[in-house]
PDB file of N, CA and C in Angstrom:
ATOM      1  N   MET A   1      99.177  82.329 114.497  1.00  0.00           N
ATOM      2  CA  MET A   1      98.654  83.033 115.652  1.00  0.00           C
ATOM      3  C   MET A   1      98.534  84.514 115.309  1.00  0.00           C
ATOM      4  N   PRO A   2      97.354  85.063 115.195  1.00  0.00           N
ATOM      5  CA  PRO A   2      97.203  86.470 114.887  1.00  0.00           C
ATOM      6  C   PRO A   2      97.579  87.335 116.080  1.00  0.00           C
ATOM      7  N   PHE A   3      98.023  88.510 115.790  1.00  0.00           N
ATOM      8  CA  PHE A   3      98.338  89.475 116.822  1.00  0.00           C
ATOM      9  C   PHE A   3      97.038  89.904 117.473  1.00  0.00           C
ATOM     10  N   SER A   4      97.012  89.954 118.774  1.00  0.00           N
ATOM     11  CA  SER A   4      95.810  90.431 119.447  1.00  0.00           C
ATOM     12  C   SER A   4      96.152  91.673 120.246  1.00  0.00           C
ATOM     13  N   ASN A   5      95.256  92.596 120.273  1.00  0.00           N
ATOM     14  CA  ASN A   5      95.484  93.851 120.960  1.00  0.00           C
ATOM     15  C   ASN A   5      94.352  94.057 121.948  1.00  0.00           C
ATOM     16  N   SER A   6      94.582  93.663 123.191  1.00  0.00           N
ATOM     17  CA  SER A   6      93.540  93.789 124.207  1.00  0.00           C
ATOM     18  C   SER A   6      93.314  95.245 124.608  1.00  0.00           C
ATOM     19  N   LYS A   7      94.298  96.119 124.347  1.00  0.00           N
ATOM     20  CA  LYS A   7      94.141  97.528 124.704  1.00  0.00           C
ATOM     21  C   LYS A   7      93.160  98.244 123.793  1.00  0.00           C
ATOM     22  N   ASN A   8      93.038  97.779 122.554  1.00  0.00           N
ATOM     23  CA  ASN A   8      92.147  98.432 121.607  1.00  0.00           C
ATOM     24  C   ASN A   8      91.437  97.379 120.763  1.00  0.00           C
ATOM     25  N   PRO A   9      90.294  96.894 121.214  1.00  0.00           N
ATOM     26  CA  PRO A   9      89.582  95.852 120.482  1.00  0.00           C
ATOM     27  C   PRO A   9      89.021  96.315 119.147  1.00  0.00           C
ATOM     28  N   ASN A  10      89.032  97.627 118.868  1.00  0.00           N
ATOM     29  CA  ASN A  10      88.528  98.120 117.601  1.00  0.00           C
ATOM     30  C   ASN A  10      89.471  97.824 116.441  1.00  0.00           C
ATOM     31  N   LEU A  11      90.697  97.439 116.771  1.00  0.00           N
ATOM     32  CA  LEU A  11      91.639  97.086 115.716  1.00  0.00           C
ATOM     33  C   LEU A  11      91.347  95.650 115.303  1.00  0.00           C
ATOM     34  N   ASN A  12      90.700  95.488 114.160  1.00  0.00           N
ATOM     35  CA  ASN A  12      90.253  94.159 113.807  1.00  0.00           C
ATOM     36  C   ASN A  12      90.945  93.559 112.603  1.00  0.00           C
ATOM     37  N   ASN A  13      91.884  94.240 111.989  1.00  0.00           N
ATOM     38  CA  ASN A  13      92.640  93.567 110.944  1.00  0.00           C
ATOM     39  C   ASN A  13      94.127  93.818 111.143  1.00  0.00           C
ATOM     40  N   VAL A  14      94.909  92.981 110.538  1.00  0.00           N
ATOM     41  CA  VAL A  14      96.347  92.979 110.793  1.00  0.00           C
ATOM     42  C   VAL A  14      97.018  94.288 110.360  1.00  0.00           C
ATOM     43  N   GLU A  15      96.543  94.907 109.307  1.00  0.00           N
ATOM     44  CA  GLU A  15      97.155  96.167 108.879  1.00  0.00           C
ATOM     45  C   GLU A  15      96.870  97.284 109.876  1.00  0.00           C
ATOM     46  N   ASP A  16      95.706  97.258 110.514  1.00  0.00           N
ATOM     47  CA  ASP A  16      95.429  98.222 111.578  1.00  0.00           C
ATOM     48  C   ASP A  16      96.367  97.993 112.762  1.00  0.00           C
ATOM     49  N   HIS A  17      96.659  96.738 113.060  1.00  0.00           N
ATOM     50  CA  HIS A  17      97.591  96.428 114.147  1.00  0.00           C
ATOM     51  C   HIS A  17      98.983  96.977 113.824  1.00  0.00           C
ATOM     52  N   LEU A  18      99.418  96.802 112.582  1.00  0.00           N
ATOM     53  CA  LEU A  18     100.724  97.320 112.172  1.00  0.00           C
ATOM     54  C   LEU A  18     100.748  98.838 112.280  1.00  0.00           C
ATOM     55  N   LYS A  19      99.702  99.499 111.788  1.00  0.00           N
ATOM     56  CA  LYS A  19      99.646 100.966 111.857  1.00  0.00           C
ATOM     57  C   LYS A  19      99.664 101.441 113.299  1.00  0.00           C
ATOM     58  N   SER A  20      98.957 100.748 114.171  1.00  0.00           N
ATOM     59  CA  SER A  20      98.925 101.117 115.586  1.00  0.00           C
ATOM     60  C   SER A  20     100.299 100.952 116.221  1.00  0.00           C
ATOM     61  N   PHE A  21     100.975  99.857 115.915  1.00  0.00           N
ATOM     62  CA  PHE A  21     102.315  99.611 116.448  1.00  0.00           C
ATOM     63  C   PHE A  21     103.288 100.696 115.993  1.00  0.00           C
ATOM     64  N   VAL A  22     103.263 101.049 114.720  1.00  0.00           N
ATOM     65  CA  VAL A  22     104.154 102.075 114.182  1.00  0.00           C
ATOM     66  C   VAL A  22     103.808 103.449 114.750  1.00  0.00           C
ATOM     67  N   ALA A  23     102.521 103.730 114.947  1.00  0.00           N
ATOM     68  CA  ALA A  23     102.085 105.033 115.458  1.00  0.00           C
ATOM     69  C   ALA A  23     102.599 105.315 116.872  1.00  0.00           C
ATOM     70  N   GLU A  24     102.918 104.265 117.624  1.00  0.00           N
ATOM     71  CA  GLU A  24     103.459 104.462 118.975  1.00  0.00           C
ATOM     72  C   GLU A  24     104.788 105.212 118.947  1.00  0.00           C
ATOM     73  N   ASP A  25     105.584 105.030 117.897  1.00  0.00           N
ATOM     74  CA  ASP A  25     106.882 105.707 117.771  1.00  0.00           C
ATOM     75  C   ASP A  25     107.287 105.697 116.291  1.00  0.00           C
ATOM     76  N   PRO A  26     106.658 106.542 115.488  1.00  0.00           N
ATOM     77  CA  PRO A  26     106.872 106.491 114.043  1.00  0.00           C
ATOM     78  C   PRO A  26     108.274 106.859 113.577  1.00  0.00           C
ATOM     79  N   ASP A  27     109.055 107.545 114.397  1.00  0.00           N
ATOM     80  CA  ASP A  27     110.385 107.970 113.972  1.00  0.00           C
ATOM     81  C   ASP A  27     111.486 106.979 114.319  1.00  0.00           C
ATOM     82  N   SER A  28     111.140 105.861 114.907  1.00  0.00           N
ATOM     83  CA  SER A  28     112.130 104.840 115.222  1.00  0.00           C
ATOM     84  C   SER A  28     112.478 104.028 113.981  1.00  0.00           C
ATOM     85  N   LYS A  29     113.553 103.262 114.085  1.00  0.00           N
ATOM     86  CA  LYS A  29     113.912 102.313 113.032  1.00  0.00           C
ATOM     87  C   LYS A  29     113.171 101.013 113.297  1.00  0.00           C
ATOM     88  N   TYR A  30     112.656 100.399 112.245  1.00  0.00           N
ATOM     89  CA  TYR A  30     111.928  99.139 112.343  1.00  0.00           C
ATOM     90  C   TYR A  30     112.659  98.072 111.542  1.00  0.00           C
ATOM     91  N   THR A  31     112.617  96.853 112.042  1.00  0.00           N
ATOM     92  CA  THR A  31     113.150  95.714 111.304  1.00  0.00           C
ATOM     93  C   THR A  31     112.098  94.614 111.325  1.00  0.00           C
ATOM     94  N   PHE A  32     112.043  93.848 110.254  1.00  0.00           N
ATOM     95  CA  PHE A  32     111.148  92.695 110.269  1.00  0.00           C
ATOM     96  C   PHE A  32     111.792  91.532 109.536  1.00  0.00           C
ATOM     97  N   ASP A  33     111.337  90.346 109.933  1.00  0.00           N
ATOM     98  CA  ASP A  33     111.908  89.118 109.399  1.00  0.00           C
ATOM     99  C   ASP A  33     110.882  88.005 109.495  1.00  0.00           C
ATOM    100  N   SER A  34     111.028  87.024 108.638  1.00  0.00           N
ATOM    101  CA  SER A  34     110.191  85.828 108.706  1.00  0.00           C
ATOM    102  C   SER A  34     110.875  84.728 107.907  1.00  0.00           C
ATOM    103  N   GLU A  35     110.416  83.521 108.127  1.00  0.00           N
ATOM    104  CA  GLU A  35     110.887  82.401 107.318  1.00  0.00           C
ATOM    105  C   GLU A  35     110.327  82.568 105.906  1.00  0.00           C
ATOM    106  N   ARG A  36     110.994  82.003 104.935  1.00  0.00           N
ATOM    107  CA  ARG A  36     110.546  82.096 103.541  1.00  0.00           C
ATOM    108  C   ARG A  36     109.113  81.573 103.408  1.00  0.00           C
ATOM    109  N   ASP A  37     108.249  82.380 102.798  1.00  0.00           N
ATOM    110  CA  ASP A  37     106.840  82.063 102.546  1.00  0.00           C
ATOM    111  C   ASP A  37     106.021  81.826 103.812  1.00  0.00           C
ATOM    112  N   ALA A  38     106.519  82.240 104.955  1.00  0.00           N
ATOM    113  CA  ALA A  38     105.773  82.071 106.207  1.00  0.00           C
ATOM    114  C   ALA A  38     104.584  83.026 106.224  1.00  0.00           C
ATOM    115  N   PRO A  39     103.466  82.618 106.828  1.00  0.00           N
ATOM    116  CA  PRO A  39     102.276  83.468 106.867  1.00  0.00           C
ATOM    117  C   PRO A  39     102.339  84.545 107.947  1.00  0.00           C
ATOM    118  N   GLN A  40     103.408  84.584 108.741  1.00  0.00           N
ATOM    119  CA  GLN A  40     103.540  85.619 109.761  1.00  0.00           C
ATOM    120  C   GLN A  40     104.962  86.184 109.737  1.00  0.00           C
ATOM    121  N   SER A  41     105.086  87.399 110.250  1.00  0.00           N
ATOM    122  CA  SER A  41     106.374  88.081 110.332  1.00  0.00           C
ATOM    123  C   SER A  41     106.492  88.746 111.689  1.00  0.00           C
ATOM    124  N   GLU A  42     107.716  88.854 112.163  1.00  0.00           N
ATOM    125  CA  GLU A  42     107.974  89.582 113.399  1.00  0.00           C
ATOM    126  C   GLU A  42     108.536  90.943 113.021  1.00  0.00           C
ATOM    127  N   ILE A  43     107.958  91.990 113.573  1.00  0.00           N
ATOM    128  CA  ILE A  43     108.459  93.340 113.357  1.00  0.00           C
ATOM    129  C   ILE A  43     108.904  93.894 114.703  1.00  0.00           C
ATOM    130  N   CYS A  44     110.076  94.530 114.696  1.00  0.00           N
ATOM    131  CA  CYS A  44     110.646  95.081 115.922  1.00  0.00           C
ATOM    132  C   CYS A  44     110.945  96.557 115.745  1.00  0.00           C
ATOM    133  N   ARG A  45     110.791  97.272 116.837  1.00  0.00           N
ATOM    134  CA  ARG A  45     111.084  98.709 116.871  1.00  0.00           C
ATOM    135  C   ARG A  45     112.284  98.920 117.763  1.00  0.00           C
ATOM    136  N   GLU A  46     113.263  99.636 117.244  1.00  0.00           N
ATOM    137  CA  GLU A  46     114.429 100.016 118.038  1.00  0.00           C
ATOM    138  C   GLU A  46     114.147 101.411 118.585  1.00  0.00           C
ATOM    139  N   GLY A  47     113.733 101.477 119.831  1.00  0.00           N
ATOM    140  CA  GLY A  47     113.344 102.740 120.441  1.00  0.00           C
ATOM    141  C   GLY A  47     114.514 103.670 120.704  1.00  0.00           C
ATOM    142  N   LYS A  48     114.193 104.909 120.958  1.00  0.00           N
ATOM    143  CA  LYS A  48     115.213 105.932 121.184  1.00  0.00           C
ATOM    144  C   LYS A  48     115.983 105.732 122.482  1.00  0.00           C
ATOM    145  N   LYS A  49     115.380 105.093 123.454  1.00  0.00           N
ATOM    146  CA  LYS A  49     116.036 104.887 124.748  1.00  0.00           C
ATOM    147  C   LYS A  49     116.582 103.464 124.854  1.00  0.00           C
ATOM    148  N   LEU A  50     117.103 102.959 123.735  1.00  0.00           N
ATOM    149  CA  LEU A  50     117.667 101.615 123.672  1.00  0.00           C
ATOM    150  C   LEU A  50     116.671 100.531 124.056  1.00  0.00           C
ATOM    151  N   SER A  51     115.399 100.841 123.902  1.00  0.00           N
ATOM    152  CA  SER A  51     114.384  99.831 124.165  1.00  0.00           C
ATOM    153  C   SER A  51     114.010  99.171 122.852  1.00  0.00           C
ATOM    154  N   ARG A  52     113.668  97.920 122.936  1.00  0.00           N
ATOM    155  CA  ARG A  52     113.282  97.151 121.750  1.00  0.00           C
ATOM    156  C   ARG A  52     111.934  96.499 122.031  1.00  0.00           C
ATOM    157  N   LYS A  53     111.008  96.669 121.106  1.00  0.00           N
ATOM    158  CA  LYS A  53     109.696  96.063 121.256  1.00  0.00           C
ATOM    159  C   LYS A  53     109.368  95.343 119.953  1.00  0.00           C
ATOM    160  N   CYS A  54     108.896  94.110 120.070  1.00  0.00           N
ATOM    161  CA  CYS A  54     108.580  93.303 118.895  1.00  0.00           C
ATOM    162  C   CYS A  54     107.166  92.754 118.997  1.00  0.00           C
ATOM    163  N   VAL A  55     106.536  92.598 117.839  1.00  0.00           N
ATOM    164  CA  VAL A  55     105.243  91.927 117.759  1.00  0.00           C
ATOM    165  C   VAL A  55     105.277  91.007 116.545  1.00  0.00           C
ATOM    166  N   THR A  56     104.519  89.941 116.622  1.00  0.00           N
ATOM    167  CA  THR A  56     104.370  89.030 115.494  1.00  0.00           C
ATOM    168  C   THR A  56     102.991  89.242 114.894  1.00  0.00           C
ATOM    169  N   LEU A  57     102.977  89.493 113.594  1.00  0.00           N
ATOM    170  CA  LEU A  57     101.729  89.746 112.888  1.00  0.00           C
ATOM    171  C   LEU A  57     101.506  88.673 111.835  1.00  0.00           C
ATOM    172  N   LYS A  58     100.277  88.333 111.630  1.00  0.00           N
ATOM    173  CA  LYS A  58      99.930  87.334 110.624  1.00  0.00           C
ATOM    174  C   LYS A  58      99.910  88.026 109.260  1.00  0.00           C
ATOM    175  N   MET A  59     101.140  88.234 108.727  1.00  0.00           N
ATOM    176  CA  MET A  59     101.312  88.958 107.473  1.00  0.00           C
ATOM    177  C   MET A  59     102.586  88.447 106.805  1.00  0.00           C
ATOM    178  N   HIS A  60     102.511  88.084 105.540  1.00  0.00           N
ATOM    179  CA  HIS A  60     103.702  87.677 104.799  1.00  0.00           C
ATOM    180  C   HIS A  60     104.671  88.851 104.722  1.00  0.00           C
ATOM    181  N   SER A  61     105.949  88.564 104.634  1.00  0.00           N
ATOM    182  CA  SER A  61     106.959  89.620 104.612  1.00  0.00           C
ATOM    183  C   SER A  61     106.803  90.539 103.405  1.00  0.00           C
ATOM    184  N   THR A  62     106.356  90.012 102.276  1.00  0.00           N
ATOM    185  CA  THR A  62     106.158  90.865 101.101  1.00  0.00           C
ATOM    186  C   THR A  62     105.055  91.893 101.350  1.00  0.00           C
ATOM    187  N   ARG A  63     103.994  91.490 102.035  1.00  0.00           N
ATOM    188  CA  ARG A  63     102.914  92.428 102.369  1.00  0.00           C
ATOM    189  C   ARG A  63     103.373  93.415 103.428  1.00  0.00           C
ATOM    190  N   MET A  64     104.178  92.945 104.390  1.00  0.00           N
ATOM    191  CA  MET A  64     104.723  93.832 105.429  1.00  0.00           C
ATOM    192  C   MET A  64     105.580  94.919 104.767  1.00  0.00           C
ATOM    193  N   PHE A  65     106.406  94.527 103.819  1.00  0.00           N
ATOM    194  CA  PHE A  65     107.256  95.471 103.081  1.00  0.00           C
ATOM    195  C   PHE A  65     106.392  96.547 102.427  1.00  0.00           C
ATOM    196  N   ALA A  66     105.354  96.135 101.712  1.00  0.00           N
ATOM    197  CA  ALA A  66     104.466  97.083 101.035  1.00  0.00           C
ATOM    198  C   ALA A  66     103.724  97.965 102.031  1.00  0.00           C
ATOM    199  N   ALA A  67     103.254  97.379 103.131  1.00  0.00           N
ATOM    200  CA  ALA A  67     102.508  98.141 104.134  1.00  0.00           C
ATOM    201  C   ALA A  67     103.392  99.199 104.795  1.00  0.00           C
ATOM    202  N   MET A  68     104.654  98.876 105.037  1.00  0.00           N
ATOM    203  CA  MET A  68     105.564  99.865 105.629  1.00  0.00           C
ATOM    204  C   MET A  68     105.833 100.992 104.631  1.00  0.00           C
ATOM    205  N   GLN A  69     106.002 100.662 103.363  1.00  0.00           N
ATOM    206  CA  GLN A  69     106.209 101.702 102.356  1.00  0.00           C
ATOM    207  C   GLN A  69     104.981 102.604 102.245  1.00  0.00           C
ATOM    208  N   GLU A  70     103.795 102.023 102.357  1.00  0.00           N
ATOM    209  CA  GLU A  70     102.559 102.809 102.302  1.00  0.00           C
ATOM    210  C   GLU A  70     102.484 103.794 103.466  1.00  0.00           C
ATOM    211  N   GLN A  71     103.163 103.484 104.568  1.00  0.00           N
ATOM    212  CA  GLN A  71     103.170 104.383 105.727  1.00  0.00           C
ATOM    213  C   GLN A  71     104.327 105.386 105.678  1.00  0.00           C
ATOM    214  N   GLY A  72     105.046 105.443 104.557  1.00  0.00           N
ATOM    215  CA  GLY A  72     106.098 106.439 104.383  1.00  0.00           C
ATOM    216  C   GLY A  72     107.473 105.988 104.826  1.00  0.00           C
ATOM    217  N   PHE A  73     107.724 104.684 104.824  1.00  0.00           N
ATOM    218  CA  PHE A  73     109.029 104.159 105.212  1.00  0.00           C
ATOM    219  C   PHE A  73     109.807 103.712 103.985  1.00  0.00           C
ATOM    220  N   PHE A  74     111.135 103.841 104.078  1.00  0.00           N
ATOM    221  CA  PHE A  74     112.055 103.329 103.076  1.00  0.00           C
ATOM    222  C   PHE A  74     112.634 102.053 103.650  1.00  0.00           C
ATOM    223  N   CYS A  75     112.428 100.922 102.983  1.00  0.00           N
ATOM    224  CA  CYS A  75     112.837  99.623 103.502  1.00  0.00           C
ATOM    225  C   CYS A  75     113.878  98.986 102.589  1.00  0.00           C
ATOM    226  N   VAL A  76     114.950  98.481 103.201  1.00  0.00           N
ATOM    227  CA  VAL A  76     116.045  97.861 102.454  1.00  0.00           C
ATOM    228  C   VAL A  76     116.633  96.694 103.238  1.00  0.00           C
ATOM    229  N   LEU A  77     117.371  95.852 102.524  1.00  0.00           N
ATOM    230  CA  LEU A  77     118.158  94.819 103.188  1.00  0.00           C
ATOM    231  C   LEU A  77     119.359  95.485 103.855  1.00  0.00           C
ATOM    232  N   PRO A  78     119.873  94.919 104.938  1.00  0.00           N
ATOM    233  CA  PRO A  78     121.064  95.493 105.566  1.00  0.00           C
ATOM    234  C   PRO A  78     122.292  95.314 104.673  1.00  0.00           C
ATOM    235  N   MET A  79     123.351  96.059 104.946  1.00  0.00           N
ATOM    236  CA  MET A  79     124.579  95.997 104.157  1.00  0.00           C
ATOM    237  C   MET A  79     125.260  94.628 104.259  1.00  0.00           C
ATOM    238  N   ASP A  80     125.122  93.970 105.383  1.00  0.00           N
ATOM    239  CA  ASP A  80     125.748  92.671 105.616  1.00  0.00           C
ATOM    240  C   ASP A  80     124.947  91.594 104.869  1.00  0.00           C
ATOM    241  N   PRO A  81     125.539  90.940 103.863  1.00  0.00           N
ATOM    242  CA  PRO A  81     124.786  89.956 103.078  1.00  0.00           C
ATOM    243  C   PRO A  81     124.383  88.701 103.846  1.00  0.00           C
ATOM    244  N   SER A  82     124.938  88.492 105.018  1.00  0.00           N
ATOM    245  CA  SER A  82     124.553  87.324 105.816  1.00  0.00           C
ATOM    246  C   SER A  82     123.263  87.577 106.602  1.00  0.00           C
ATOM    247  N   ARG A  83     122.807  88.813 106.657  1.00  0.00           N
ATOM    248  CA  ARG A  83     121.573  89.177 107.371  1.00  0.00           C
ATOM    249  C   ARG A  83     120.387  89.086 106.421  1.00  0.00           C
ATOM    250  N   THR A  84     119.256  88.654 106.928  1.00  0.00           N
ATOM    251  CA  THR A  84     118.089  88.482 106.058  1.00  0.00           C
ATOM    252  C   THR A  84     116.906  89.366 106.434  1.00  0.00           C
ATOM    253  N   TYR A  85     117.025  90.141 107.493  1.00  0.00           N
ATOM    254  CA  TYR A  85     115.912  90.988 107.899  1.00  0.00           C
ATOM    255  C   TYR A  85     115.854  92.225 107.007  1.00  0.00           C
ATOM    256  N   ILE A  86     114.741  92.935 107.076  1.00  0.00           N
ATOM    257  CA  ILE A  86     114.533  94.179 106.330  1.00  0.00           C
ATOM    258  C   ILE A  86     114.544  95.335 107.324  1.00  0.00           C
ATOM    259  N   GLU A  87     115.262  96.400 107.001  1.00  0.00           N
ATOM    260  CA  GLU A  87     115.309  97.607 107.843  1.00  0.00           C
ATOM    261  C   GLU A  87     114.424  98.680 107.204  1.00  0.00           C
ATOM    262  N   CYS A  88     113.611  99.324 108.025  1.00  0.00           N
ATOM    263  CA  CYS A  88     112.735 100.384 107.531  1.00  0.00           C
ATOM    264  C   CYS A  88     112.949 101.660 108.342  1.00  0.00           C
ATOM    265  N   THR A  89     113.117 102.753 107.637  1.00  0.00           N
ATOM    266  CA  THR A  89     113.303 104.070 108.232  1.00  0.00           C
ATOM    267  C   THR A  89     112.307 105.018 107.604  1.00  0.00           C
ATOM    268  N   ARG A  90     111.665 105.845 108.427  1.00  0.00           N
ATOM    269  CA  ARG A  90     110.676 106.799 107.903  1.00  0.00           C
ATOM    270  C   ARG A  90     111.374 107.830 107.011  1.00  0.00           C
ATOM    271  N   ILE A  91     110.742 108.114 105.875  1.00  0.00           N
ATOM    272  CA  ILE A  91     111.232 109.122 104.964  1.00  0.00           C
ATOM    273  C   ILE A  91     110.782 110.484 105.479  1.00  0.00           C
ATOM    274  N   PRO A  92     111.724 111.411 105.719  1.00  0.00           N
ATOM    275  CA  PRO A  92     111.320 112.736 106.221  1.00  0.00           C
ATOM    276  C   PRO A  92     110.441 113.450 105.196  1.00  0.00           C
ATOM    277  N   LYS A  93     109.460 114.174 105.710  1.00  0.00           N
ATOM    278  CA  LYS A  93     108.532 114.904 104.809  1.00  0.00           C
ATOM    279  C   LYS A  93     108.998 116.313 104.616  1.00  0.00           C
TER     280      LYS A  93
END
C-alpha cells in the first residue's frame, strides 16, 4: 500500500513523501522499522510536545536508511540489542 498524500497531490514518488514528512519537523528524532526484506517501512516522528506521528511508505528499510542520510540524518541501531528499529537524528550544520 503506497503512502498517499491528499494534501499535496504533486508529491508523486515515495522519496518526495519522505522528504515532505521530515520537512514538517526536521529537528525531531525519527525511528523506522520493517519486517526483513519487506517492501514497506513505517517511519515515526517523536515530536517535541510528546506527540508521535507515523506513516508507512513503500520503501525497503535499506533505502529508507540511505534516504534519511541523504537528508542530513545520522541513523543507528538503538543501544538495546533486543530492539530492531533504526533511530535517526539530524546532524547539526
